Amino acid sequence: MTTAAPARSGLDVAHICALAHFDLPPEEQAKFQKELAPIVAYVNKLSELDLTGIEPTQYGQPVANVLREDVVEPSLDRETVLRNAPDASETEFRMPRIVE
């Protein structure tokens, strides 16, 4: 694998491929190097922003627990549920065998 001179982006695709033990033909390395340069330039442009006084955030909006309290509530009785089942025994649903 040949190593090309680092591009203006500061990242060298050939070097990254070598670190990752990833073989990429030189023509594809050149293609990805050209595609990587504008991405890195954009990130560098973002790093020029003055962010003093701005706290880092993990979420864009406030996050709150939306779970309800665990409260016991009445539910359907067993006989009603089993009556609506396609096939049931006295206390259980019957299912077709899926493993032979």
C-alpha atoms as a PDB file:
ATOM      1  CA  MET A   1       0.000   0.000   0.000  1.00  0.00           C
ATOM      2  CA  THR A   2       1.370   3.384  -0.919  1.00  0.00           C
ATOM      3  CA  THR A   3       0.953   6.368   1.319  1.00  0.00           C
ATOM      4  CA  ALA A   4       0.071   9.595  -0.362  1.00  0.00           C
ATOM      5  CA  ALA A   5       0.928  13.028   0.951  1.00  0.00           C
ATOM      6  CA  PRO A   6      -1.732  14.295   3.337  1.00  0.00           C
ATOM      7  CA  ALA A   7      -4.365  16.421   1.671  1.00  0.00           C
ATOM      8  CA  ARG A   8      -5.206  19.959   2.723  1.00  0.00           C
ATOM      9  CA  SER A   9      -7.965  18.528   4.917  1.00  0.00           C
ATOM     10  CA  GLY A  10      -5.371  17.334   7.413  1.00  0.00           C
ATOM     11  CA  LEU A  11      -6.612  13.756   7.195  1.00  0.00           C
ATOM     12  CA  ASP A  12      -4.887  11.212   5.012  1.00  0.00           C
ATOM     13  CA  VAL A  13      -7.167   8.426   3.776  1.00  0.00           C
ATOM     14  CA  ALA A  14      -4.174   6.171   3.034  1.00  0.00           C
ATOM     15  CA  HIS A  15      -2.939   6.585   6.606  1.00  0.00           C
ATOM     16  CA  ILE A  16      -6.400   5.927   8.021  1.00  0.00           C
ATOM     17  CA  CYS A  17      -6.688   2.780   5.869  1.00  0.00           C
ATOM     18  CA  ALA A  18      -3.301   1.601   7.139  1.00  0.00           C
ATOM     19  CA  LEU A  19      -4.326   2.177  10.761  1.00  0.00           C
ATOM     20  CA  ALA A  20      -7.573   0.277  10.193  1.00  0.00           C
ATOM     21  CA  HIS A  21      -5.805  -2.540   8.297  1.00  0.00           C
ATOM     22  CA  PHE A  22      -8.165  -1.817   5.440  1.00  0.00           C
ATOM     23  CA  ASP A  23      -6.995  -2.286   1.864  1.00  0.00           C
ATOM     24  CA  LEU A  24      -8.409   0.337  -0.448  1.00  0.00           C
ATOM     25  CA  PRO A  25      -7.146   0.763  -4.019  1.00  0.00           C
ATOM     26  CA  PRO A  26      -5.241   4.037  -4.599  1.00  0.00           C
ATOM     27  CA  GLU A  27      -7.887   5.373  -7.000  1.00  0.00           C
ATOM     28  CA  GLU A  28     -10.587   4.927  -4.331  1.00  0.00           C
ATOM     29  CA  GLN A  29      -8.296   6.487  -1.728  1.00  0.00           C
ATOM     30  CA  ALA A  30      -7.959   9.545  -3.963  1.00  0.00           C
ATOM     31  CA  LYS A  31     -11.736   9.664  -4.460  1.00  0.00           C
ATOM     32  CA  PHE A  32     -12.432   9.494  -0.727  1.00  0.00           C
ATOM     33  CA  GLN A  33      -9.661  12.010  -0.011  1.00  0.00           C
ATOM     34  CA  LYS A  34     -11.417  14.506  -2.306  1.00  0.00           C
ATOM     35  CA  GLU A  35     -14.777  13.800  -0.616  1.00  0.00           C
ATOM     36  CA  LEU A  36     -13.281  14.045   2.859  1.00  0.00           C
ATOM     37  CA  ALA A  37     -11.650  17.446   2.350  1.00  0.00           C
ATOM     38  CA  PRO A  38     -14.896  19.519   2.237  1.00  0.00           C
ATOM     39  CA  ILE A  39     -16.310  17.633   5.225  1.00  0.00           C
ATOM     40  CA  VAL A  40     -13.237  18.353   7.335  1.00  0.00           C
ATOM     41  CA  ALA A  41     -13.243  21.975   6.135  1.00  0.00           C
ATOM     42  CA  TYR A  42     -16.857  22.330   7.303  1.00  0.00           C
ATOM     43  CA  VAL A  43     -16.039  20.859  10.718  1.00  0.00           C
ATOM     44  CA  ASN A  44     -13.053  23.212  10.981  1.00  0.00           C
ATOM     45  CA  LYS A  45     -15.370  26.115  10.135  1.00  0.00           C
ATOM     46  CA  LEU A  46     -17.703  25.047  12.954  1.00  0.00           C
ATOM     47  CA  SER A  47     -14.770  24.938  15.365  1.00  0.00           C
ATOM     48  CA  GLU A  48     -14.262  28.679  14.749  1.00  0.00           C
ATOM     49  CA  LEU A  49     -17.551  29.468  16.528  1.00  0.00           C
ATOM     50  CA  ASP A  50     -17.283  31.215  19.888  1.00  0.00           C
ATOM     51  CA  LEU A  51     -19.072  28.909  22.307  1.00  0.00           C
ATOM     52  CA  THR A  52     -18.020  30.530  25.566  1.00  0.00           C
ATOM     53  CA  GLY A  53     -20.867  30.516  28.051  1.00  0.00           C
ATOM     54  CA  ILE A  54     -22.787  27.837  26.150  1.00  0.00           C
ATOM     55  CA  GLU A  55     -23.148  24.645  28.112  1.00  0.00           C
ATOM     56  CA  PRO A  56     -22.812  21.363  26.231  1.00  0.00           C
ATOM     57  CA  THR A  57     -26.094  19.522  25.834  1.00  0.00           C
ATOM     58  CA  GLN A  58     -26.829  15.884  25.440  1.00  0.00           C
ATOM     59  CA  TYR A  59     -30.376  16.433  24.201  1.00  0.00           C
ATOM     60  CA  GLY A  60     -31.837  19.288  22.200  1.00  0.00           C
ATOM     61  CA  GLN A  61     -34.896  19.480  24.417  1.00  0.00           C
ATOM     62  CA  PRO A  62     -35.468  18.797  28.102  1.00  0.00           C
ATOM     63  CA  VAL A  63     -35.909  15.120  28.867  1.00  0.00           C
ATOM     64  CA  ALA A  64     -38.303  13.951  31.561  1.00  0.00           C
ATOM     65  CA  ASN A  65     -39.361  10.541  32.727  1.00  0.00           C
ATOM     66  CA  VAL A  66     -42.692   9.847  31.045  1.00  0.00           C
ATOM     67  CA  LEU A  67     -43.406   6.552  32.788  1.00  0.00           C
ATOM     68  CA  ARG A  68     -46.515   6.273  34.904  1.00  0.00           C
ATOM     69  CA  GLU A  69     -46.683   5.012  38.451  1.00  0.00           C
ATOM     70  CA  ASP A  70     -46.868   1.246  38.807  1.00  0.00           C
ATOM     71  CA  VAL A  71     -50.431   0.925  40.072  1.00  0.00           C
ATOM     72  CA  VAL A  72     -52.416  -2.284  40.270  1.00  0.00           C
ATOM     73  CA  GLU A  73     -55.609  -1.898  38.251  1.00  0.00           C
ATOM     74  CA  PRO A  74     -58.419  -4.311  37.491  1.00  0.00           C
ATOM     75  CA  SER A  75     -57.995  -6.352  34.336  1.00  0.00           C
ATOM     76  CA  LEU A  76     -60.026  -8.863  32.369  1.00  0.00           C
ATOM     77  CA  ASP A  77     -60.904 -12.059  34.117  1.00  0.00           C
ATOM     78  CA  ARG A  78     -59.303 -15.253  32.874  1.00  0.00           C
ATOM     79  CA  GLU A  79     -62.540 -16.866  31.658  1.00  0.00           C
ATOM     80  CA  THR A  80     -63.388 -13.904  29.390  1.00  0.00           C
ATOM     81  CA  VAL A  81     -59.933 -13.892  27.834  1.00  0.00           C
ATOM     82  CA  LEU A  82     -59.844 -17.663  27.293  1.00  0.00           C
ATOM     83  CA  ARG A  83     -63.340 -17.591  25.787  1.00  0.00           C
ATOM     84  CA  ASN A  84     -62.031 -15.293  23.026  1.00  0.00           C
ATOM     85  CA  ALA A  85     -58.981 -17.449  22.302  1.00  0.00           C
ATOM     86  CA  PRO A  86     -59.047 -19.597  19.136  1.00  0.00           C
ATOM     87  CA  ASP A  87     -57.945 -22.609  21.189  1.00  0.00           C
ATOM     88  CA  ALA A  88     -57.592 -22.850  24.968  1.00  0.00           C
ATOM     89  CA  SER A  89     -57.501 -25.377  27.763  1.00  0.00           C
ATOM     90  CA  GLU A  90     -58.995 -24.705  31.173  1.00  0.00           C
ATOM     91  CA  THR A  91     -56.338 -22.140  32.170  1.00  0.00           C
ATOM     92  CA  GLU A  92     -54.047 -21.647  29.152  1.00  0.00           C
ATOM     93  CA  PHE A  93     -53.925 -20.647  25.521  1.00  0.00           C
ATOM     94  CA  ARG A  94     -53.147 -23.528  23.158  1.00  0.00           C
ATOM     95  CA  MET A  95     -50.725 -22.771  20.370  1.00  0.00           C
ATOM     96  CA  PRO A  96     -49.815 -24.878  17.338  1.00  0.00           C
ATOM     97  CA  ARG A  97     -46.561 -26.756  17.626  1.00  0.00           C
ATOM     98  CA  ILE A  98     -43.764 -24.915  15.837  1.00  0.00           C
ATOM     99  CA  VAL A  99     -40.852 -27.244  16.678  1.00  0.00           C
ATOM    100  CA  GLU A 100     -40.957 -30.874  15.745  1.00  0.00           C
END
